[in-house]
């Protein structure tokens, strides 16, 4: 295998995962909720739910507060990859993408194009979902390509 092919096998999945995680982060700051003329991003929505106390004392409250840890977790995933822990970074990135993809996928389906004064804005969830799909695809490629390792011939020579 040529040197260019070897670099492409590691660089392209990493770029796909990194780009997907960046799109996830951007999508989280785009509008997720429409309330009259006001558009709120995902963090503002979580803040409103927390402030109003809808989930106070329930297990889902912890999950809701964990939403604020997504951006630092994305950063940790990229740092792990950059430090050479490729599969660990890819695994963390895939986990983040699965979580954000599930939430944004549900919100995208529920947005449904209703033009009422209160509803789910499609921009943020759709962007986050797109980034999640890209990140999962790239992470899978990283893990699959990383499994190659050292190949041995039938005679036992590396």
C-alpha atoms as a PDB file:
ATOM      1  CA  UNK A   1       0.000   0.000   0.000  1.00  0.00           C
ATOM      2  CA  UNK A   2       1.351   3.390  -0.894  1.00  0.00           C
ATOM      3  CA  UNK A   3       2.182   6.016   1.698  1.00  0.00           C
ATOM      4  CA  UNK A   4      -0.641   8.238   0.413  1.00  0.00           C
ATOM      5  CA  UNK A   5      -3.199   5.435   0.797  1.00  0.00           C
ATOM      6  CA  UNK A   6      -2.058   4.767   4.351  1.00  0.00           C
ATOM      7  CA  UNK A   7      -2.404   8.428   5.288  1.00  0.00           C
ATOM      8  CA  UNK A   8      -5.784   8.684   3.561  1.00  0.00           C
ATOM      9  CA  UNK A   9      -7.067   5.644   5.465  1.00  0.00           C
ATOM     10  CA  UNK A  10      -6.464   7.450   8.756  1.00  0.00           C
ATOM     11  CA  UNK A  11      -6.975  11.081   7.760  1.00  0.00           C
ATOM     12  CA  UNK A  12     -10.281  10.839   5.901  1.00  0.00           C
ATOM     13  CA  UNK A  13     -12.242   9.065   8.665  1.00  0.00           C
ATOM     14  CA  UNK A  14     -10.741  11.442  11.231  1.00  0.00           C
ATOM     15  CA  UNK A  15     -11.745  14.439   9.126  1.00  0.00           C
ATOM     16  CA  UNK A  16     -15.253  13.022   8.684  1.00  0.00           C
ATOM     17  CA  UNK A  17     -15.633  12.450  12.426  1.00  0.00           C
ATOM     18  CA  UNK A  18     -14.161  15.852  13.315  1.00  0.00           C
ATOM     19  CA  UNK A  19     -16.366  17.666  10.796  1.00  0.00           C
ATOM     20  CA  UNK A  20     -19.407  15.780  12.067  1.00  0.00           C
ATOM     21  CA  UNK A  21     -18.673  16.732  15.677  1.00  0.00           C
ATOM     22  CA  UNK A  22     -18.190  20.377  14.683  1.00  0.00           C
ATOM     23  CA  UNK A  23     -21.556  20.320  12.896  1.00  0.00           C
ATOM     24  CA  UNK A  24     -23.108  18.760  16.025  1.00  0.00           C
ATOM     25  CA  UNK A  25     -21.704  21.587  18.166  1.00  0.00           C
ATOM     26  CA  UNK A  26     -22.895  24.257  15.726  1.00  0.00           C
ATOM     27  CA  UNK A  27     -26.352  22.668  15.529  1.00  0.00           C
ATOM     28  CA  UNK A  28     -26.702  22.780  19.291  1.00  0.00           C
ATOM     29  CA  UNK A  29     -26.432  26.578  19.158  1.00  0.00           C
ATOM     30  CA  UNK A  30     -28.934  26.969  16.311  1.00  0.00           C
ATOM     31  CA  UNK A  31     -32.683  27.415  17.017  1.00  0.00           C
ATOM     32  CA  UNK A  32     -34.394  24.376  18.523  1.00  0.00           C
ATOM     33  CA  UNK A  33     -37.584  25.942  19.867  1.00  0.00           C
ATOM     34  CA  UNK A  34     -39.899  28.627  18.529  1.00  0.00           C
ATOM     35  CA  UNK A  35     -41.903  30.598  21.074  1.00  0.00           C
ATOM     36  CA  UNK A  36     -43.715  33.441  19.369  1.00  0.00           C
ATOM     37  CA  UNK A  37     -41.036  35.570  17.722  1.00  0.00           C
ATOM     38  CA  UNK A  38     -38.284  34.156  19.960  1.00  0.00           C
ATOM     39  CA  UNK A  39     -36.031  31.319  18.829  1.00  0.00           C
ATOM     40  CA  UNK A  40     -34.153  29.346  21.491  1.00  0.00           C
ATOM     41  CA  UNK A  41     -31.113  27.084  21.099  1.00  0.00           C
ATOM     42  CA  UNK A  42     -30.866  23.688  22.790  1.00  0.00           C
ATOM     43  CA  UNK A  43     -29.062  25.056  25.845  1.00  0.00           C
ATOM     44  CA  UNK A  44     -31.725  27.721  26.401  1.00  0.00           C
ATOM     45  CA  UNK A  45     -34.423  25.053  26.124  1.00  0.00           C
ATOM     46  CA  UNK A  46     -32.659  22.914  28.739  1.00  0.00           C
ATOM     47  CA  UNK A  47     -32.288  26.008  30.954  1.00  0.00           C
ATOM     48  CA  UNK A  48     -36.000  26.791  30.715  1.00  0.00           C
ATOM     49  CA  UNK A  49     -36.979  23.195  31.527  1.00  0.00           C
ATOM     50  CA  UNK A  50     -34.576  23.196  34.487  1.00  0.00           C
ATOM     51  CA  UNK A  51     -35.757  26.592  35.757  1.00  0.00           C
ATOM     52  CA  UNK A  52     -39.420  25.644  35.565  1.00  0.00           C
ATOM     53  CA  UNK A  53     -38.628  22.448  37.482  1.00  0.00           C
ATOM     54  CA  UNK A  54     -40.560  20.029  35.283  1.00  0.00           C
ATOM     55  CA  UNK A  55     -38.117  17.237  36.084  1.00  0.00           C
ATOM     56  CA  UNK A  56     -37.079  18.225  39.612  1.00  0.00           C
ATOM     57  CA  UNK A  57     -36.134  15.163  41.637  1.00  0.00           C
ATOM     58  CA  UNK A  58     -36.413  12.748  38.710  1.00  0.00           C
ATOM     59  CA  UNK A  59     -33.665  10.718  37.077  1.00  0.00           C
ATOM     60  CA  UNK A  60     -34.235  12.565  33.809  1.00  0.00           C
ATOM     61  CA  UNK A  61     -33.068  15.771  35.468  1.00  0.00           C
ATOM     62  CA  UNK A  62     -29.505  14.388  35.533  1.00  0.00           C
ATOM     63  CA  UNK A  63     -29.751  13.433  31.863  1.00  0.00           C
ATOM     64  CA  UNK A  64     -31.025  16.911  31.050  1.00  0.00           C
ATOM     65  CA  UNK A  65     -28.140  18.560  32.902  1.00  0.00           C
ATOM     66  CA  UNK A  66     -25.675  16.265  31.091  1.00  0.00           C
ATOM     67  CA  UNK A  67     -26.632  18.058  27.862  1.00  0.00           C
ATOM     68  CA  UNK A  68     -24.326  20.886  28.974  1.00  0.00           C
ATOM     69  CA  UNK A  69     -21.396  18.421  28.973  1.00  0.00           C
ATOM     70  CA  UNK A  70     -21.712  17.611  25.255  1.00  0.00           C
ATOM     71  CA  UNK A  71     -19.379  20.384  24.052  1.00  0.00           C
ATOM     72  CA  UNK A  72     -16.593  19.497  26.548  1.00  0.00           C
ATOM     73  CA  UNK A  73     -17.030  15.825  25.613  1.00  0.00           C
ATOM     74  CA  UNK A  74     -16.630  16.712  21.919  1.00  0.00           C
ATOM     75  CA  UNK A  75     -13.429  18.556  22.815  1.00  0.00           C
ATOM     76  CA  UNK A  76     -12.171  15.565  24.809  1.00  0.00           C
ATOM     77  CA  UNK A  77     -12.881  13.256  21.868  1.00  0.00           C
ATOM     78  CA  UNK A  78     -10.827  15.416  19.501  1.00  0.00           C
ATOM     79  CA  UNK A  79      -7.981  15.742  22.030  1.00  0.00           C
ATOM     80  CA  UNK A  80      -7.875  11.972  22.557  1.00  0.00           C
ATOM     81  CA  UNK A  81      -7.607  11.434  18.821  1.00  0.00           C
ATOM     82  CA  UNK A  82      -4.894  14.081  18.494  1.00  0.00           C
ATOM     83  CA  UNK A  83      -2.880  12.462  21.296  1.00  0.00           C
ATOM     84  CA  UNK A  84      -2.890   9.147  19.448  1.00  0.00           C
ATOM     85  CA  UNK A  85      -5.755   7.436  21.266  1.00  0.00           C
ATOM     86  CA  UNK A  86      -7.626   7.074  18.002  1.00  0.00           C
ATOM     87  CA  UNK A  87     -10.089   4.357  18.890  1.00  0.00           C
ATOM     88  CA  UNK A  88     -10.860   5.879  22.285  1.00  0.00           C
ATOM     89  CA  UNK A  89     -11.491   9.277  20.703  1.00  0.00           C
ATOM     90  CA  UNK A  90     -13.611   7.680  17.981  1.00  0.00           C
ATOM     91  CA  UNK A  91     -15.613   5.681  20.527  1.00  0.00           C
ATOM     92  CA  UNK A  92     -16.325   8.764  22.624  1.00  0.00           C
ATOM     93  CA  UNK A  93     -17.215  10.710  19.467  1.00  0.00           C
ATOM     94  CA  UNK A  94     -19.584   7.951  18.361  1.00  0.00           C
ATOM     95  CA  UNK A  95     -21.266   7.871  21.781  1.00  0.00           C
ATOM     96  CA  UNK A  96     -21.763  11.644  21.682  1.00  0.00           C
ATOM     97  CA  UNK A  97     -23.105  11.440  18.144  1.00  0.00           C
ATOM     98  CA  UNK A  98     -25.529   8.647  19.038  1.00  0.00           C
ATOM     99  CA  UNK A  99     -26.899  10.611  22.002  1.00  0.00           C
ATOM    100  CA  UNK A 100     -27.218  13.906  20.144  1.00  0.00           C
ATOM    101  CA  UNK A 101     -28.492  12.129  17.038  1.00  0.00           C
ATOM    102  CA  UNK A 102     -31.241  10.416  19.000  1.00  0.00           C
ATOM    103  CA  UNK A 103     -32.401  13.648  20.627  1.00  0.00           C
ATOM    104  CA  UNK A 104     -32.127  15.705  17.443  1.00  0.00           C
ATOM    105  CA  UNK A 105     -33.720  12.957  15.351  1.00  0.00           C
ATOM    106  CA  UNK A 106     -36.759  12.944  17.617  1.00  0.00           C
ATOM    107  CA  UNK A 107     -36.950  16.730  17.526  1.00  0.00           C
ATOM    108  CA  UNK A 108     -36.579  16.765  13.732  1.00  0.00           C
ATOM    109  CA  UNK A 109     -39.438  14.295  13.314  1.00  0.00           C
ATOM    110  CA  UNK A 110     -41.628  16.231  15.743  1.00  0.00           C
ATOM    111  CA  UNK A 111     -40.918  19.628  14.150  1.00  0.00           C
ATOM    112  CA  UNK A 112     -43.246  18.697  11.300  1.00  0.00           C
ATOM    113  CA  UNK A 113     -43.392  22.144   9.676  1.00  0.00           C
ATOM    114  CA  UNK A 114     -46.153  23.529  11.923  1.00  0.00           C
ATOM    115  CA  UNK A 115     -46.128  27.319  11.665  1.00  0.00           C
ATOM    116  CA  UNK A 116     -47.839  27.910  14.995  1.00  0.00           C
ATOM    117  CA  UNK A 117     -46.529  30.332  17.605  1.00  0.00           C
ATOM    118  CA  UNK A 118     -45.041  27.555  19.742  1.00  0.00           C
ATOM    119  CA  UNK A 119     -43.157  24.593  18.360  1.00  0.00           C
ATOM    120  CA  UNK A 120     -39.905  22.918  17.518  1.00  0.00           C
ATOM    121  CA  UNK A 121     -37.678  24.797  15.099  1.00  0.00           C
ATOM    122  CA  UNK A 122     -36.172  22.423  12.557  1.00  0.00           C
ATOM    123  CA  UNK A 123     -32.843  24.195  11.957  1.00  0.00           C
ATOM    124  CA  UNK A 124     -30.934  23.145  15.071  1.00  0.00           C
ATOM    125  CA  UNK A 125     -32.168  19.555  15.294  1.00  0.00           C
ATOM    126  CA  UNK A 126     -31.671  18.876  11.574  1.00  0.00           C
ATOM    127  CA  UNK A 127     -28.142  20.290  11.646  1.00  0.00           C
ATOM    128  CA  UNK A 128     -27.258  18.323  14.770  1.00  0.00           C
ATOM    129  CA  UNK A 129     -28.689  15.143  13.255  1.00  0.00           C
ATOM    130  CA  UNK A 130     -26.620  15.612  10.088  1.00  0.00           C
ATOM    131  CA  UNK A 131     -23.449  16.104  12.128  1.00  0.00           C
ATOM    132  CA  UNK A 132     -24.266  13.055  14.245  1.00  0.00           C
ATOM    133  CA  UNK A 133     -24.602  10.834  11.181  1.00  0.00           C
ATOM    134  CA  UNK A 134     -21.270  12.071   9.785  1.00  0.00           C
ATOM    135  CA  UNK A 135     -19.515  11.589  13.126  1.00  0.00           C
ATOM    136  CA  UNK A 136     -20.805   8.030  13.563  1.00  0.00           C
ATOM    137  CA  UNK A 137     -19.769   7.076  10.025  1.00  0.00           C
ATOM    138  CA  UNK A 138     -16.287   8.502  10.533  1.00  0.00           C
ATOM    139  CA  UNK A 139     -15.905   6.870  13.948  1.00  0.00           C
ATOM    140  CA  UNK A 140     -16.893   3.470  12.559  1.00  0.00           C
ATOM    141  CA  UNK A 141     -14.307   3.866   9.801  1.00  0.00           C
ATOM    142  CA  UNK A 142     -11.633   4.797  12.366  1.00  0.00           C
ATOM    143  CA  UNK A 143     -12.341   1.714  14.462  1.00  0.00           C
ATOM    144  CA  UNK A 144     -12.532  -0.596  11.441  1.00  0.00           C
ATOM    145  CA  UNK A 145      -9.319   0.802   9.905  1.00  0.00           C
ATOM    146  CA  UNK A 146      -7.543   0.618  13.268  1.00  0.00           C
ATOM    147  CA  UNK A 147      -8.207  -3.106  13.532  1.00  0.00           C
ATOM    148  CA  UNK A 148      -5.750  -3.870  10.726  1.00  0.00           C
ATOM    149  CA  UNK A 149      -2.659  -3.657  12.886  1.00  0.00           C
ATOM    150  CA  UNK A 150       0.362  -5.791  12.045  1.00  0.00           C
ATOM    151  CA  UNK A 151      -0.324  -8.553   9.570  1.00  0.00           C
ATOM    152  CA  UNK A 152       1.492 -11.874   9.786  1.00  0.00           C
ATOM    153  CA  UNK A 153       2.342 -14.227   6.985  1.00  0.00           C
ATOM    154  CA  UNK A 154       1.604 -17.925   7.246  1.00  0.00           C
ATOM    155  CA  UNK A 155       5.265 -18.517   8.156  1.00  0.00           C
ATOM    156  CA  UNK A 156       4.972 -16.292  11.217  1.00  0.00           C
ATOM    157  CA  UNK A 157       7.095 -13.440   9.901  1.00  0.00           C
ATOM    158  CA  UNK A 158       5.627  -9.969  10.552  1.00  0.00           C
END
